[in-house]
Amino acid sequence: MINVIVNRNESGLIHSFSMNGHAGFAKRGKDIVCAGASAVAFGAVNSVFKLTDVKPDVNQGKDGFLRCTVPEDISPEQQEKVQLLLEGMIVALQTIELDYGKHIKITFKKQEVE
């Protein structure tokens, strides 16, 4: 299963998200759930880089791991654009989850104040 965790700050803004796991819908190379979720997530991250001039902290690893953290020191205008792109990503992932919920799960968490 692909697990997506979206972390929001106290204001409700997306602070970070992570995605890991394998959908297990079909064999490697034919898994439309994995391909769709990956395309949506990587497309959103690439859009943030290209369209907002914001450089999020991005980590990739094995087993489909992707983590993206939005920098805190960006302008309100940049924050608005980043949030719109990431909220669009969530809508697209929720659409996949609606039809393929056995293969992808989205969890929302509120960032705790340290």
N, C-alpha and C. Protein backbone atom coordinates (compact mmCIF):
# COMPACT_ATOMS: atom_id res chain seq x y z
N MET A 1 0.84 -1.18 0.00
CA MET A 1 0.00 0.00 0.00
C MET A 1 0.89 1.24 0.00
N ILE A 2 0.44 2.24 -0.74
CA ILE A 2 1.11 3.54 -0.71
C ILE A 2 0.52 4.33 0.46
N ASN A 3 1.38 4.83 1.31
CA ASN A 3 0.95 5.65 2.44
C ASN A 3 1.42 7.08 2.20
N VAL A 4 0.48 8.00 2.22
CA VAL A 4 0.77 9.42 2.07
C VAL A 4 0.43 10.09 3.40
N ILE A 5 1.39 10.83 3.94
CA ILE A 5 1.15 11.57 5.17
C ILE A 5 1.33 13.05 4.86
N VAL A 6 0.31 13.83 5.14
CA VAL A 6 0.35 15.27 4.92
C VAL A 6 0.38 15.93 6.29
N ASN A 7 1.42 16.72 6.53
CA ASN A 7 1.58 17.43 7.80
C ASN A 7 1.20 18.90 7.61
N ARG A 8 0.27 19.35 8.43
CA ARG A 8 -0.14 20.75 8.39
C ARG A 8 0.33 21.44 9.66
N ASN A 9 0.61 22.75 9.55
CA ASN A 9 0.97 23.51 10.74
C ASN A 9 -0.29 23.96 11.46
N GLU A 10 -0.11 24.71 12.52
CA GLU A 10 -1.27 25.13 13.33
C GLU A 10 -2.24 26.01 12.54
N SER A 11 -1.75 26.68 11.50
CA SER A 11 -2.60 27.53 10.67
C SER A 11 -3.31 26.75 9.58
N GLY A 12 -3.00 25.46 9.48
CA GLY A 12 -3.63 24.64 8.46
C GLY A 12 -2.86 24.56 7.16
N LEU A 13 -1.72 25.24 7.09
CA LEU A 13 -0.90 25.20 5.88
C LEU A 13 -0.12 23.89 5.82
N ILE A 14 0.10 23.40 4.62
CA ILE A 14 0.88 22.18 4.44
C ILE A 14 2.34 22.50 4.71
N HIS A 15 2.89 21.84 5.70
CA HIS A 15 4.30 22.01 6.07
C HIS A 15 5.17 21.00 5.33
N SER A 16 4.67 19.78 5.19
CA SER A 16 5.41 18.72 4.50
C SER A 16 4.46 17.59 4.13
N PHE A 17 4.96 16.73 3.25
CA PHE A 17 4.25 15.49 2.98
C PHE A 17 5.28 14.42 2.69
N SER A 18 4.87 13.20 2.94
CA SER A 18 5.72 12.06 2.60
C SER A 18 4.85 10.99 1.95
N MET A 19 5.51 10.19 1.12
CA MET A 19 4.83 9.10 0.44
C MET A 19 5.80 7.93 0.42
N ASN A 20 5.31 6.73 0.77
CA ASN A 20 6.16 5.56 0.66
C ASN A 20 5.30 4.32 0.46
N GLY A 21 5.96 3.26 0.08
CA GLY A 21 5.30 1.99 -0.13
C GLY A 21 5.00 1.73 -1.60
N HIS A 22 4.43 0.59 -1.84
CA HIS A 22 4.05 0.18 -3.19
C HIS A 22 2.57 -0.16 -3.20
N ALA A 23 1.90 0.22 -4.25
CA ALA A 23 0.45 0.02 -4.33
C ALA A 23 0.08 -1.46 -4.34
N GLY A 24 0.85 -2.26 -5.06
CA GLY A 24 0.52 -3.67 -5.16
C GLY A 24 -0.72 -3.95 -5.99
N PHE A 25 -1.08 -3.00 -6.83
CA PHE A 25 -2.27 -3.17 -7.68
C PHE A 25 -1.98 -4.12 -8.85
N ALA A 26 -0.78 -4.03 -9.39
CA ALA A 26 -0.39 -4.86 -10.53
C ALA A 26 1.13 -5.05 -10.49
N LYS A 27 1.64 -5.83 -11.44
CA LYS A 27 3.08 -6.06 -11.51
C LYS A 27 3.82 -4.76 -11.82
N ARG A 28 5.08 -4.73 -11.41
CA ARG A 28 5.94 -3.58 -11.67
C ARG A 28 5.88 -3.22 -13.16
N GLY A 29 5.72 -1.94 -13.42
CA GLY A 29 5.62 -1.47 -14.80
C GLY A 29 4.20 -1.42 -15.33
N LYS A 30 3.27 -2.06 -14.63
CA LYS A 30 1.87 -2.06 -15.06
C LYS A 30 0.94 -1.56 -13.97
N ASP A 31 1.51 -1.07 -12.89
CA ASP A 31 0.72 -0.64 -11.73
C ASP A 31 0.26 0.80 -11.92
N ILE A 32 -1.00 0.96 -12.34
CA ILE A 32 -1.52 2.30 -12.63
C ILE A 32 -1.68 3.15 -11.37
N VAL A 33 -1.91 2.51 -10.23
CA VAL A 33 -2.05 3.26 -8.98
C VAL A 33 -0.71 3.87 -8.60
N CYS A 34 0.33 3.07 -8.66
CA CYS A 34 1.68 3.56 -8.36
C CYS A 34 2.09 4.65 -9.34
N ALA A 35 1.86 4.41 -10.61
CA ALA A 35 2.23 5.39 -11.63
C ALA A 35 1.46 6.70 -11.45
N GLY A 36 0.18 6.60 -11.17
CA GLY A 36 -0.64 7.80 -10.99
C GLY A 36 -0.22 8.60 -9.77
N ALA A 37 -0.05 7.91 -8.64
CA ALA A 37 0.35 8.60 -7.41
C ALA A 37 1.73 9.23 -7.55
N SER A 38 2.64 8.51 -8.17
CA SER A 38 3.99 9.04 -8.36
C SER A 38 3.98 10.27 -9.27
N ALA A 39 3.23 10.17 -10.35
CA ALA A 39 3.15 11.30 -11.29
C ALA A 39 2.56 12.54 -10.62
N VAL A 40 1.53 12.34 -9.82
CA VAL A 40 0.90 13.47 -9.13
C VAL A 40 1.87 14.10 -8.13
N ALA A 41 2.51 13.28 -7.30
CA ALA A 41 3.41 13.82 -6.27
C ALA A 41 4.63 14.48 -6.88
N PHE A 42 5.29 13.81 -7.81
CA PHE A 42 6.48 14.40 -8.42
C PHE A 42 6.12 15.61 -9.27
N GLY A 43 4.96 15.57 -9.92
CA GLY A 43 4.51 16.73 -10.69
C GLY A 43 4.29 17.94 -9.80
N ALA A 44 3.73 17.72 -8.62
CA ALA A 44 3.50 18.82 -7.68
C ALA A 44 4.83 19.40 -7.19
N VAL A 45 5.76 18.53 -6.82
CA VAL A 45 7.07 19.00 -6.34
C VAL A 45 7.79 19.78 -7.45
N ASN A 46 7.78 19.24 -8.66
CA ASN A 46 8.42 19.92 -9.78
C ASN A 46 7.74 21.26 -10.09
N SER A 47 6.42 21.31 -9.93
CA SER A 47 5.69 22.56 -10.14
C SER A 47 6.07 23.61 -9.10
N VAL A 48 6.25 23.18 -7.86
CA VAL A 48 6.68 24.12 -6.82
C VAL A 48 8.03 24.72 -7.20
N PHE A 49 8.98 23.88 -7.59
CA PHE A 49 10.30 24.38 -8.00
C PHE A 49 10.19 25.35 -9.17
N LYS A 50 9.45 24.95 -10.20
CA LYS A 50 9.42 25.71 -11.45
C LYS A 50 8.56 26.98 -11.39
N LEU A 51 7.43 26.93 -10.68
CA LEU A 51 6.46 28.02 -10.75
C LEU A 51 6.50 28.99 -9.58
N THR A 52 7.22 28.66 -8.52
CA THR A 52 7.20 29.52 -7.34
C THR A 52 8.56 30.06 -6.92
N ASP A 53 9.63 29.57 -7.51
CA ASP A 53 11.00 29.91 -7.11
C ASP A 53 11.28 29.52 -5.67
N VAL A 54 10.50 28.59 -5.12
CA VAL A 54 10.72 28.05 -3.79
C VAL A 54 11.46 26.73 -3.96
N LYS A 55 12.45 26.52 -3.12
CA LYS A 55 13.24 25.28 -3.17
C LYS A 55 12.93 24.45 -1.93
N PRO A 56 11.90 23.59 -2.00
CA PRO A 56 11.59 22.75 -0.85
C PRO A 56 12.70 21.73 -0.62
N ASP A 57 12.77 21.22 0.60
CA ASP A 57 13.71 20.17 0.94
C ASP A 57 13.07 18.86 0.49
N VAL A 58 13.70 18.17 -0.45
CA VAL A 58 13.15 16.95 -1.02
C VAL A 58 14.11 15.80 -0.78
N ASN A 59 13.57 14.70 -0.27
CA ASN A 59 14.34 13.47 -0.05
C ASN A 59 13.65 12.33 -0.74
N GLN A 60 14.44 11.51 -1.44
CA GLN A 60 13.93 10.32 -2.08
C GLN A 60 14.69 9.12 -1.55
N GLY A 61 14.04 7.99 -1.52
CA GLY A 61 14.69 6.78 -1.05
C GLY A 61 14.08 5.54 -1.66
N LYS A 62 14.40 4.41 -1.07
CA LYS A 62 13.91 3.13 -1.55
C LYS A 62 12.43 2.96 -1.21
N ASP A 63 11.83 1.97 -1.86
CA ASP A 63 10.43 1.61 -1.62
C ASP A 63 9.47 2.76 -1.86
N GLY A 64 9.77 3.57 -2.88
CA GLY A 64 8.86 4.64 -3.25
C GLY A 64 8.84 5.81 -2.30
N PHE A 65 9.87 5.95 -1.46
CA PHE A 65 9.88 7.02 -0.45
C PHE A 65 10.13 8.38 -1.10
N LEU A 66 9.28 9.35 -0.76
CA LEU A 66 9.44 10.75 -1.15
C LEU A 66 8.98 11.60 0.02
N ARG A 67 9.81 12.56 0.39
CA ARG A 67 9.43 13.53 1.42
C ARG A 67 9.75 14.92 0.90
N CYS A 68 8.80 15.83 1.10
CA CYS A 68 8.95 17.21 0.67
C CYS A 68 8.56 18.12 1.82
N THR A 69 9.47 19.02 2.18
CA THR A 69 9.22 19.97 3.27
C THR A 69 9.30 21.38 2.71
N VAL A 70 8.27 22.17 2.99
CA VAL A 70 8.21 23.56 2.53
C VAL A 70 9.05 24.43 3.47
N PRO A 71 9.94 25.26 2.92
CA PRO A 71 10.71 26.16 3.78
C PRO A 71 9.80 27.13 4.52
N GLU A 72 10.21 27.52 5.71
CA GLU A 72 9.39 28.44 6.50
C GLU A 72 9.63 29.91 6.12
N ASP A 73 10.78 30.21 5.55
CA ASP A 73 11.16 31.60 5.28
C ASP A 73 10.85 32.03 3.85
N ILE A 74 9.60 31.87 3.45
CA ILE A 74 9.20 32.30 2.11
C ILE A 74 8.15 33.40 2.25
N SER A 75 8.01 34.16 1.18
CA SER A 75 7.07 35.29 1.21
C SER A 75 5.63 34.78 1.23
N PRO A 76 4.70 35.63 1.68
CA PRO A 76 3.28 35.25 1.65
C PRO A 76 2.79 34.88 0.25
N GLU A 77 3.30 35.58 -0.77
CA GLU A 77 2.90 35.29 -2.14
C GLU A 77 3.39 33.91 -2.56
N GLN A 78 4.65 33.59 -2.21
CA GLN A 78 5.17 32.27 -2.53
C GLN A 78 4.40 31.19 -1.76
N GLN A 79 4.12 31.46 -0.50
CA GLN A 79 3.39 30.49 0.32
C GLN A 79 2.03 30.18 -0.29
N GLU A 80 1.35 31.21 -0.76
CA GLU A 80 0.04 31.02 -1.37
C GLU A 80 0.13 30.13 -2.61
N LYS A 81 1.13 30.37 -3.45
CA LYS A 81 1.31 29.55 -4.65
C LYS A 81 1.67 28.11 -4.30
N VAL A 82 2.57 27.93 -3.36
CA VAL A 82 2.98 26.59 -2.94
C VAL A 82 1.78 25.83 -2.38
N GLN A 83 1.00 26.49 -1.54
CA GLN A 83 -0.16 25.84 -0.94
C GLN A 83 -1.17 25.42 -2.00
N LEU A 84 -1.40 26.27 -2.98
CA LEU A 84 -2.34 25.94 -4.05
C LEU A 84 -1.88 24.69 -4.81
N LEU A 85 -0.60 24.64 -5.12
CA LEU A 85 -0.07 23.48 -5.84
C LEU A 85 -0.17 22.21 -5.00
N LEU A 86 0.17 22.30 -3.73
CA LEU A 86 0.12 21.12 -2.87
C LEU A 86 -1.32 20.69 -2.56
N GLU A 87 -2.21 21.64 -2.42
CA GLU A 87 -3.62 21.29 -2.23
C GLU A 87 -4.17 20.60 -3.49
N GLY A 88 -3.73 21.06 -4.66
CA GLY A 88 -4.11 20.39 -5.90
C GLY A 88 -3.60 18.97 -5.95
N MET A 89 -2.38 18.75 -5.45
CA MET A 89 -1.83 17.40 -5.36
C MET A 89 -2.72 16.52 -4.49
N ILE A 90 -3.14 17.07 -3.36
CA ILE A 90 -3.99 16.30 -2.44
C ILE A 90 -5.31 15.92 -3.10
N VAL A 91 -5.91 16.85 -3.80
CA VAL A 91 -7.17 16.56 -4.50
C VAL A 91 -6.97 15.41 -5.49
N ALA A 92 -5.88 15.46 -6.25
CA ALA A 92 -5.61 14.41 -7.23
C ALA A 92 -5.36 13.06 -6.54
N LEU A 93 -4.60 13.06 -5.44
CA LEU A 93 -4.35 11.82 -4.71
C LEU A 93 -5.63 11.28 -4.07
N GLN A 94 -6.49 12.16 -3.59
CA GLN A 94 -7.77 11.72 -3.02
C GLN A 94 -8.67 11.10 -4.08
N THR A 95 -8.56 11.60 -5.31
CA THR A 95 -9.32 11.02 -6.41
C THR A 95 -8.86 9.59 -6.67
N ILE A 96 -7.56 9.38 -6.63
CA ILE A 96 -7.02 8.02 -6.79
C ILE A 96 -7.46 7.15 -5.61
N GLU A 97 -7.38 7.70 -4.40
CA GLU A 97 -7.77 6.96 -3.20
C GLU A 97 -9.25 6.56 -3.25
N LEU A 98 -10.09 7.40 -3.81
CA LEU A 98 -11.52 7.12 -3.90
C LEU A 98 -11.78 5.82 -4.66
N ASP A 99 -11.06 5.63 -5.75
CA ASP A 99 -11.28 4.44 -6.58
C ASP A 99 -10.38 3.27 -6.20
N TYR A 100 -9.24 3.54 -5.58
CA TYR A 100 -8.26 2.49 -5.29
C TYR A 100 -7.83 2.51 -3.83
N GLY A 101 -8.78 2.68 -2.93
CA GLY A 101 -8.50 2.83 -1.51
C GLY A 101 -7.81 1.64 -0.86
N LYS A 102 -7.84 0.49 -1.49
CA LYS A 102 -7.13 -0.67 -0.95
C LYS A 102 -5.63 -0.57 -1.24
N HIS A 103 -5.25 0.40 -2.07
CA HIS A 103 -3.87 0.48 -2.53
C HIS A 103 -3.17 1.79 -2.17
N ILE A 104 -3.93 2.77 -1.70
CA ILE A 104 -3.35 4.06 -1.31
C ILE A 104 -4.17 4.64 -0.15
N LYS A 105 -3.46 5.17 0.83
CA LYS A 105 -4.12 5.76 1.99
C LYS A 105 -3.47 7.11 2.28
N ILE A 106 -4.30 8.12 2.47
CA ILE A 106 -3.83 9.47 2.80
C ILE A 106 -4.20 9.77 4.24
N THR A 107 -3.20 10.22 5.02
CA THR A 107 -3.40 10.57 6.41
C THR A 107 -2.99 12.02 6.62
N PHE A 108 -3.80 12.76 7.34
CA PHE A 108 -3.50 14.15 7.64
C PHE A 108 -3.10 14.27 9.12
N LYS A 109 -2.01 15.01 9.36
CA LYS A 109 -1.54 15.22 10.71
C LYS A 109 -1.31 16.69 10.93
N LYS A 110 -1.52 17.12 12.17
CA LYS A 110 -1.24 18.50 12.54
C LYS A 110 0.13 18.53 13.21
N GLN A 111 0.97 19.42 12.75
CA GLN A 111 2.32 19.55 13.29
C GLN A 111 2.24 20.02 14.74
N GLU A 112 2.96 19.33 15.57
CA GLU A 112 2.99 19.71 16.98
C GLU A 112 4.03 20.80 17.20
N VAL A 113 3.71 21.72 18.09
CA VAL A 113 4.63 22.82 18.43
C VAL A 113 5.69 22.27 19.36
N GLU A 114 6.95 22.58 19.03
CA GLU A 114 8.06 22.10 19.87
C GLU A 114 8.46 23.15 20.88
